[in-house]
C-alpha atoms as a PDB file:
ATOM      1  CA  UNK A   1      -0.813  -2.719  73.299  1.00  0.00           C
ATOM      2  CA  UNK A   2      -3.928  -3.557  70.672  1.00  0.00           C
ATOM      3  CA  UNK A   3      -3.386  -6.759  68.400  1.00  0.00           C
ATOM      4  CA  UNK A   4      -6.515  -6.139  66.797  1.00  0.00           C
ATOM      5  CA  UNK A   5      -6.558  -4.525  63.367  1.00  0.00           C
ATOM      6  CA  UNK A   6      -9.090  -4.363  60.798  1.00  0.00           C
ATOM      7  CA  UNK A   7      -9.005  -3.882  56.937  1.00  0.00           C
ATOM      8  CA  UNK A   8     -12.033  -1.955  55.916  1.00  0.00           C
ATOM      9  CA  UNK A   9     -14.251  -1.231  53.152  1.00  0.00           C
ATOM     10  CA  UNK A  10     -16.789   0.751  52.711  1.00  0.00           C
ATOM     11  CA  UNK A  11     -19.008   2.708  50.702  1.00  0.00           C
ATOM     12  CA  UNK A  12     -19.972   6.651  50.686  1.00  0.00           C
ATOM     13  CA  UNK A  13     -22.561   8.573  49.378  1.00  0.00           C
ATOM     14  CA  UNK A  14     -23.880  12.303  49.410  1.00  0.00           C
ATOM     15  CA  UNK A  15     -20.749  14.051  49.302  1.00  0.00           C
ATOM     16  CA  UNK A  16     -20.569  16.396  46.567  1.00  0.00           C
ATOM     17  CA  UNK A  17     -16.915  17.374  46.380  1.00  0.00           C
ATOM     18  CA  UNK A  18     -15.184  17.841  42.973  1.00  0.00           C
ATOM     19  CA  UNK A  19     -13.927  14.351  42.345  1.00  0.00           C
ATOM     20  CA  UNK A  20     -17.449  12.468  42.842  1.00  0.00           C
ATOM     21  CA  UNK A  21     -19.423  15.203  41.482  1.00  0.00           C
ATOM     22  CA  UNK A  22     -17.239  14.625  38.175  1.00  0.00           C
ATOM     23  CA  UNK A  23     -17.266  11.043  38.212  1.00  0.00           C
ATOM     24  CA  UNK A  24     -21.189  11.435  38.429  1.00  0.00           C
ATOM     25  CA  UNK A  25     -21.483  13.690  35.627  1.00  0.00           C
ATOM     26  CA  UNK A  26     -19.121  12.424  33.198  1.00  0.00           C
ATOM     27  CA  UNK A  27     -19.929   8.437  33.689  1.00  0.00           C
ATOM     28  CA  UNK A  28     -16.090   7.769  34.837  1.00  0.00           C
ATOM     29  CA  UNK A  29     -14.062   5.968  37.138  1.00  0.00           C
ATOM     30  CA  UNK A  30     -11.563   8.032  39.201  1.00  0.00           C
ATOM     31  CA  UNK A  31      -8.793   6.228  41.355  1.00  0.00           C
ATOM     32  CA  UNK A  32      -7.067   8.503  44.163  1.00  0.00           C
ATOM     33  CA  UNK A  33      -4.610   8.535  46.785  1.00  0.00           C
ATOM     34  CA  UNK A  34      -5.300  10.129  49.981  1.00  0.00           C
ATOM     35  CA  UNK A  35      -5.773  13.980  49.620  1.00  0.00           C
ATOM     36  CA  UNK A  36      -3.089  15.661  51.351  1.00  0.00           C
ATOM     37  CA  UNK A  37      -4.398  18.693  53.576  1.00  0.00           C
ATOM     38  CA  UNK A  38      -2.547  22.134  53.652  1.00  0.00           C
ATOM     39  CA  UNK A  39      -2.543  24.294  56.758  1.00  0.00           C
ATOM     40  CA  UNK A  40      -5.191  26.839  54.700  1.00  0.00           C
ATOM     41  CA  UNK A  41      -7.765  24.220  54.333  1.00  0.00           C
ATOM     42  CA  UNK A  42      -6.822  23.417  50.654  1.00  0.00           C
ATOM     43  CA  UNK A  43      -6.533  19.913  49.675  1.00  0.00           C
ATOM     44  CA  UNK A  44      -3.650  18.421  47.243  1.00  0.00           C
ATOM     45  CA  UNK A  45      -5.262  15.843  45.046  1.00  0.00           C
ATOM     46  CA  UNK A  46      -3.337  12.895  42.928  1.00  0.00           C
ATOM     47  CA  UNK A  47      -5.628  11.214  40.922  1.00  0.00           C
ATOM     48  CA  UNK A  48      -6.319   9.056  37.837  1.00  0.00           C
ATOM     49  CA  UNK A  49      -8.787   8.101  35.066  1.00  0.00           C
ATOM     50  CA  UNK A  50      -9.279   6.506  31.482  1.00  0.00           C
ATOM     51  CA  UNK A  51      -8.331   9.383  29.351  1.00  0.00           C
ATOM     52  CA  UNK A  52     -11.380  11.808  28.666  1.00  0.00           C
ATOM     53  CA  UNK A  53     -10.967  15.070  27.825  1.00  0.00           C
ATOM     54  CA  UNK A  54     -14.679  15.516  29.384  1.00  0.00           C
ATOM     55  CA  UNK A  55     -13.415  14.898  32.618  1.00  0.00           C
ATOM     56  CA  UNK A  56     -10.428  17.435  32.075  1.00  0.00           C
ATOM     57  CA  UNK A  57     -13.215  20.102  31.099  1.00  0.00           C
ATOM     58  CA  UNK A  58     -15.255  19.299  33.905  1.00  0.00           C
ATOM     59  CA  UNK A  59     -12.772  19.210  36.496  1.00  0.00           C
ATOM     60  CA  UNK A  60     -11.366  22.305  34.967  1.00  0.00           C
ATOM     61  CA  UNK A  61     -14.662  24.521  35.196  1.00  0.00           C
ATOM     62  CA  UNK A  62     -15.257  23.465  38.898  1.00  0.00           C
ATOM     63  CA  UNK A  63     -14.394  26.227  40.346  1.00  0.00           C
ATOM     64  CA  UNK A  64     -13.499  24.342  43.269  1.00  0.00           C
ATOM     65  CA  UNK A  65     -10.430  23.202  41.958  1.00  0.00           C
ATOM     66  CA  UNK A  66      -7.328  25.065  40.981  1.00  0.00           C
ATOM     67  CA  UNK A  67      -4.099  24.283  39.184  1.00  0.00           C
ATOM     68  CA  UNK A  68      -5.309  21.072  37.427  1.00  0.00           C
ATOM     69  CA  UNK A  69      -2.600  19.625  35.372  1.00  0.00           C
ATOM     70  CA  UNK A  70      -3.025  16.529  33.623  1.00  0.00           C
ATOM     71  CA  UNK A  71      -0.400  14.100  32.339  1.00  0.00           C
ATOM     72  CA  UNK A  72      -1.161  12.208  29.007  1.00  0.00           C
ATOM     73  CA  UNK A  73       2.601  10.996  28.569  1.00  0.00           C
ATOM     74  CA  UNK A  74       3.883   7.771  26.865  1.00  0.00           C
ATOM     75  CA  UNK A  75       6.881   5.383  28.097  1.00  0.00           C
ATOM     76  CA  UNK A  76       9.379   8.346  27.704  1.00  0.00           C
ATOM     77  CA  UNK A  77       7.323  10.957  29.706  1.00  0.00           C
ATOM     78  CA  UNK A  78       6.219  13.387  27.054  1.00  0.00           C
ATOM     79  CA  UNK A  79       2.928  14.835  26.570  1.00  0.00           C
ATOM     80  CA  UNK A  80       2.777  16.680  29.884  1.00  0.00           C
ATOM     81  CA  UNK A  81       0.374  19.899  29.892  1.00  0.00           C
ATOM     82  CA  UNK A  82      -1.832  21.612  31.918  1.00  0.00           C
ATOM     83  CA  UNK A  83      -5.357  21.586  31.286  1.00  0.00           C
ATOM     84  CA  UNK A  84      -6.655  24.681  30.696  1.00  0.00           C
ATOM     85  CA  UNK A  85      -4.354  26.935  28.356  1.00  0.00           C
ATOM     86  CA  UNK A  86      -1.711  23.921  27.771  1.00  0.00           C
ATOM     87  CA  UNK A  87      -0.519  22.365  24.457  1.00  0.00           C
ATOM     88  CA  UNK A  88      -0.652  18.522  24.182  1.00  0.00           C
ATOM     89  CA  UNK A  89       1.643  16.262  22.503  1.00  0.00           C
ATOM     90  CA  UNK A  90      -0.342  13.723  20.499  1.00  0.00           C
ATOM     91  CA  UNK A  91       2.761  11.501  19.856  1.00  0.00           C
ATOM     92  CA  UNK A  92       2.749  11.297  23.867  1.00  0.00           C
ATOM     93  CA  UNK A  93      -0.560   9.805  24.588  1.00  0.00           C
ATOM     94  CA  UNK A  94      -0.158   7.074  27.499  1.00  0.00           C
ATOM     95  CA  UNK A  95      -0.268   3.524  26.083  1.00  0.00           C
ATOM     96  CA  UNK A  96      -2.481   2.007  28.911  1.00  0.00           C
ATOM     97  CA  UNK A  97      -5.579   5.099  27.987  1.00  0.00           C
ATOM     98  CA  UNK A  98      -5.252   6.930  31.484  1.00  0.00           C
ATOM     99  CA  UNK A  99      -4.323  10.158  32.581  1.00  0.00           C
ATOM    100  CA  UNK A 100      -2.734  11.290  35.634  1.00  0.00           C
ATOM    101  CA  UNK A 101      -3.900  14.459  37.855  1.00  0.00           C
ATOM    102  CA  UNK A 102      -2.695  16.464  39.987  1.00  0.00           C
ATOM    103  CA  UNK A 103      -4.652  19.974  41.371  1.00  0.00           C
ATOM    104  CA  UNK A 104      -5.509  21.972  44.343  1.00  0.00           C
ATOM    105  CA  UNK A 105      -9.069  21.360  45.801  1.00  0.00           C
ATOM    106  CA  UNK A 106     -10.637  24.030  48.063  1.00  0.00           C
ATOM    107  CA  UNK A 107     -13.271  21.848  48.919  1.00  0.00           C
ATOM    108  CA  UNK A 108     -13.291  19.863  52.214  1.00  0.00           C
ATOM    109  CA  UNK A 109     -13.319  15.932  51.866  1.00  0.00           C
ATOM    110  CA  UNK A 110     -14.737  13.437  53.838  1.00  0.00           C
ATOM    111  CA  UNK A 111     -11.921  12.014  54.397  1.00  0.00           C
ATOM    112  CA  UNK A 112     -10.597  13.939  56.577  1.00  0.00           C
ATOM    113  CA  UNK A 113     -13.158  13.165  58.723  1.00  0.00           C
ATOM    114  CA  UNK A 114     -12.641   9.564  59.120  1.00  0.00           C
ATOM    115  CA  UNK A 115      -9.005  10.068  59.231  1.00  0.00           C
ATOM    116  CA  UNK A 116      -9.550  11.986  62.407  1.00  0.00           C
ATOM    117  CA  UNK A 117     -12.069   9.453  63.473  1.00  0.00           C
ATOM    118  CA  UNK A 118      -9.276   6.706  63.094  1.00  0.00           C
ATOM    119  CA  UNK A 119      -9.322   5.405  59.541  1.00  0.00           C
ATOM    120  CA  UNK A 120      -6.353   4.711  57.785  1.00  0.00           C
ATOM    121  CA  UNK A 121      -7.105   5.043  54.044  1.00  0.00           C
ATOM    122  CA  UNK A 122      -5.030   3.196  51.608  1.00  0.00           C
ATOM    123  CA  UNK A 123      -7.363   3.696  48.080  1.00  0.00           C
ATOM    124  CA  UNK A 124     -10.303   6.034  47.227  1.00  0.00           C
ATOM    125  CA  UNK A 125     -12.047   5.438  44.203  1.00  0.00           C
ATOM    126  CA  UNK A 126     -15.094   7.703  42.852  1.00  0.00           C
ATOM    127  CA  UNK A 127     -17.694   6.084  40.327  1.00  0.00           C
ATOM    128  CA  UNK A 128     -21.527   7.422  39.702  1.00  0.00           C
ATOM    129  CA  UNK A 129     -21.156  10.004  42.697  1.00  0.00           C
ATOM    130  CA  UNK A 130     -20.213   7.664  44.731  1.00  0.00           C
ATOM    131  CA  UNK A 131     -16.867   7.117  46.749  1.00  0.00           C
ATOM    132  CA  UNK A 132     -15.072   3.209  48.150  1.00  0.00           C
ATOM    133  CA  UNK A 133     -12.778   3.764  51.025  1.00  0.00           C
ATOM    134  CA  UNK A 134     -10.223   0.831  51.582  1.00  0.00           C
ATOM    135  CA  UNK A 135      -8.559   1.280  54.884  1.00  0.00           C
ATOM    136  CA  UNK A 136      -7.254  -0.244  58.232  1.00  0.00           C
ATOM    137  CA  UNK A 137      -8.529   0.600  61.905  1.00  0.00           C
ATOM    138  CA  UNK A 138      -7.496  -0.713  64.889  1.00  0.00           C
ATOM    139  CA  UNK A 139      -9.903  -2.485  66.886  1.00  0.00           C
ATOM    140  CA  UNK A 140     -13.384  -2.511  66.572  1.00  0.00           C
ATOM    141  CA  UNK A 141     -14.056   0.322  68.774  1.00  0.00           C
ATOM    142  CA  UNK A 142     -12.256   2.564  66.563  1.00  0.00           C
ATOM    143  CA  UNK A 143     -14.689   1.491  63.896  1.00  0.00           C
ATOM    144  CA  UNK A 144     -17.497   2.124  65.251  1.00  0.00           C
ATOM    145  CA  UNK A 145     -16.406   6.348  65.448  1.00  0.00           C
ATOM    146  CA  UNK A 146     -15.312   5.849  62.034  1.00  0.00           C
ATOM    147  CA  UNK A 147     -18.793   5.020  60.798  1.00  0.00           C
ATOM    148  CA  UNK A 148     -20.423   7.304  63.485  1.00  0.00           C
ATOM    149  CA  UNK A 149     -18.138  10.036  61.385  1.00  0.00           C
ATOM    150  CA  UNK A 150     -19.335   9.585  58.371  1.00  0.00           C
ATOM    151  CA  UNK A 151     -22.657   9.105  59.552  1.00  0.00           C
ATOM    152  CA  UNK A 152     -22.841  12.967  60.580  1.00  0.00           C
ATOM    153  CA  UNK A 153     -22.423  14.311  57.262  1.00  0.00           C
ATOM    154  CA  UNK A 154     -22.824  11.701  54.306  1.00  0.00           C
ATOM    155  CA  UNK A 155     -24.276   7.980  54.212  1.00  0.00           C
ATOM    156  CA  UNK A 156     -21.902   5.338  54.065  1.00  0.00           C
ATOM    157  CA  UNK A 157     -22.216   1.486  53.748  1.00  0.00           C
ATOM    158  CA  UNK A 158     -19.528  -0.709  55.433  1.00  0.00           C
ATOM    159  CA  UNK A 159     -19.208  -3.727  52.647  1.00  0.00           C
ATOM    160  CA  UNK A 160     -16.546  -5.735  54.384  1.00  0.00           C
ATOM    161  CA  UNK A 161     -14.108  -6.028  57.509  1.00  0.00           C
ATOM    162  CA  UNK A 162     -12.019  -8.724  58.012  1.00  0.00           C
ATOM    163  CA  UNK A 163      -9.007  -9.010  60.383  1.00  0.00           C
ATOM    164  CA  UNK A 164      -5.410  -7.434  59.089  1.00  0.00           C
ATOM    165  CA  UNK A 165      -2.606 -10.639  59.749  1.00  0.00           C
ATOM    166  CA  UNK A 166       1.073  -9.989  60.081  1.00  0.00           C
ATOM    167  CA  UNK A 167       0.983 -11.706  57.002  1.00  0.00           C
ATOM    168  CA  UNK A 168      -1.164  -9.019  55.654  1.00  0.00           C
ATOM    169  CA  UNK A 169      -0.143  -6.007  56.110  1.00  0.00           C
ATOM    170  CA  UNK A 170      -0.637  -4.019  52.978  1.00  0.00           C
ATOM    171  CA  UNK A 171      -2.805  -3.954  50.199  1.00  0.00           C
ATOM    172  CA  UNK A 172      -4.514  -6.822  48.308  1.00  0.00           C
ATOM    173  CA  UNK A 173      -1.569  -7.168  45.768  1.00  0.00           C
ATOM    174  CA  UNK A 174       0.509  -6.976  47.827  1.00  0.00           C
ATOM    175  CA  UNK A 175      -0.517  -9.762  50.180  1.00  0.00           C
ATOM    176  CA  UNK A 176      -0.956 -12.288  46.892  1.00  0.00           C
ATOM    177  CA  UNK A 177       0.734 -13.115  44.259  1.00  0.00           C
ATOM    178  CA  UNK A 178      -0.648 -10.410  41.943  1.00  0.00           C
ATOM    179  CA  UNK A 179       0.375  -7.061  40.218  1.00  0.00           C
ATOM    180  CA  UNK A 180      -1.154  -3.614  41.246  1.00  0.00           C
ATOM    181  CA  UNK A 181      -2.552  -3.639  37.721  1.00  0.00           C
ATOM    182  CA  UNK A 182      -3.783  -7.509  37.949  1.00  0.00           C
ATOM    183  CA  UNK A 183      -5.768  -6.388  41.308  1.00  0.00           C
ATOM    184  CA  UNK A 184      -7.477  -3.474  39.314  1.00  0.00           C
ATOM    185  CA  UNK A 185      -8.140  -6.270  36.648  1.00  0.00           C
ATOM    186  CA  UNK A 186     -10.039  -8.498  38.806  1.00  0.00           C
ATOM    187  CA  UNK A 187     -11.420  -6.454  41.074  1.00  0.00           C
ATOM    188  CA  UNK A 188     -13.144  -4.002  38.433  1.00  0.00           C
ATOM    189  CA  UNK A 189     -14.213  -7.424  36.487  1.00  0.00           C
ATOM    190  CA  UNK A 190     -15.803  -8.536  39.569  1.00  0.00           C
ATOM    191  CA  UNK A 191     -17.750  -5.315  40.274  1.00  0.00           C
ATOM    192  CA  UNK A 192     -18.949  -5.137  36.736  1.00  0.00           C
ATOM    193  CA  UNK A 193     -20.375  -8.751  37.023  1.00  0.00           C
ATOM    194  CA  UNK A 194     -17.960 -10.298  34.741  1.00  0.00           C
ATOM    195  CA  UNK A 195     -17.383 -13.467  36.910  1.00  0.00           C
ATOM    196  CA  UNK A 196     -21.187 -13.325  37.287  1.00  0.00           C
ATOM    197  CA  UNK A 197     -23.894 -16.114  35.810  1.00  0.00           C
ATOM    198  CA  UNK A 198     -24.821 -15.675  33.490  1.00  0.00           C
ATOM    199  CA  UNK A 199     -22.195 -12.699  32.703  1.00  0.00           C
ATOM    200  CA  UNK A 200     -23.493  -9.486  32.910  1.00  0.00           C
ATOM    201  CA  UNK A 201     -20.335  -7.395  31.035  1.00  0.00           C
ATOM    202  CA  UNK A 202     -18.171  -8.433  28.195  1.00  0.00           C
ATOM    203  CA  UNK A 203     -14.614  -8.632  28.429  1.00  0.00           C
ATOM    204  CA  UNK A 204     -14.459  -5.364  26.231  1.00  0.00           C
ATOM    205  CA  UNK A 205     -16.521  -3.552  28.362  1.00  0.00           C
ATOM    206  CA  UNK A 206     -14.469  -4.379  31.316  1.00  0.00           C
ATOM    207  CA  UNK A 207     -11.297  -3.218  29.666  1.00  0.00           C
ATOM    208  CA  UNK A 208     -13.106   0.254  27.978  1.00  0.00           C
ATOM    209  CA  UNK A 209     -13.751   0.902  32.310  1.00  0.00           C
ATOM    210  CA  UNK A 210      -9.572  -0.007  33.099  1.00  0.00           C
ATOM    211  CA  UNK A 211      -8.950   2.089  30.098  1.00  0.00           C
ATOM    212  CA  UNK A 212      -7.229  -0.738  28.250  1.00  0.00           C
ATOM    213  CA  UNK A 213      -7.311  -3.118  25.554  1.00  0.00           C
ATOM    214  CA  UNK A 214      -9.230  -6.288  25.328  1.00  0.00           C
ATOM    215  CA  UNK A 215      -6.107  -8.397  24.906  1.00  0.00           C
ATOM    216  CA  UNK A 216      -4.241  -6.053  27.690  1.00  0.00           C
ATOM    217  CA  UNK A 217      -7.283  -6.903  30.153  1.00  0.00           C
ATOM    218  CA  UNK A 218      -7.619 -10.513  29.263  1.00  0.00           C
ATOM    219  CA  UNK A 219      -3.894 -10.944  30.088  1.00  0.00           C
ATOM    220  CA  UNK A 220      -3.966  -9.255  33.092  1.00  0.00           C
ATOM    221  CA  UNK A 221      -6.914 -11.241  34.409  1.00  0.00           C
ATOM    222  CA  UNK A 222      -5.588 -14.566  33.312  1.00  0.00           C
ATOM    223  CA  UNK A 223      -1.669 -14.068  35.079  1.00  0.00           C
ATOM    224  CA  UNK A 224      -3.756 -12.572  38.488  1.00  0.00           C
ATOM    225  CA  UNK A 225      -5.854 -15.330  38.291  1.00  0.00           C
ATOM    226  CA  UNK A 226      -2.747 -18.110  37.745  1.00  0.00           C
ATOM    227  CA  UNK A 227      -1.213 -16.128  40.920  1.00  0.00           C
ATOM    228  CA  UNK A 228      -4.332 -16.167  43.340  1.00  0.00           C
ATOM    229  CA  UNK A 229      -4.917 -20.200  42.159  1.00  0.00           C
ATOM    230  CA  UNK A 230      -1.101 -21.015  42.858  1.00  0.00           C
ATOM    231  CA  UNK A 231      -1.748 -19.878  46.451  1.00  0.00           C
ATOM    232  CA  UNK A 232      -4.911 -21.431  47.211  1.00  0.00           C
ATOM    233  CA  UNK A 233      -4.541 -24.604  45.615  1.00  0.00           C
ATOM    234  CA  UNK A 234      -0.530 -24.744  46.276  1.00  0.00           C
END
């Protein structure tokens, strides 16, 4: 039995799939769950992004995308509509400012090559035409195979690799005393240079990238930092 399991974070470029292309064209960050492959070669996609009619229109105009559905529901779930012919309910706008999408994609996803090579994908983020994968592999030999599989078709940059211990099974939100939303706030702030010295972005800009208000972002950031600090410093 192989006991060594590694968490892998990598960046992929050169993949012109619909979500990568849309993130580049609209300039928006798209967070996606691993696609589900159908027997006919199409993929079922489930993803979310800051509320944007431009993104919806771009995806709807892509002939590789079929049956696109966007949810902009409030807390009671109202406001769901199909993009391209459906009617939205203005009163049902998502209070967090995010849209939730489901669709069928005729474009083959590179993630399947990585999965076949041994990467257990947990999350995918598309931004500026690039993709960021977070997942796990069993051992360095499998990791090498994953990198070779990605390198055959696209460019891949390994950003981070670290052992996955028994207490670390799951996402960062599961390993630390933070919620998934707090994790998103901290990670986005880090990626955008909010913690840099001097600071490279403002709280308002990070909040806009996430699709929430400035006050909501600062609250999530403070609560997330408090949870992390409690565990680090006891």
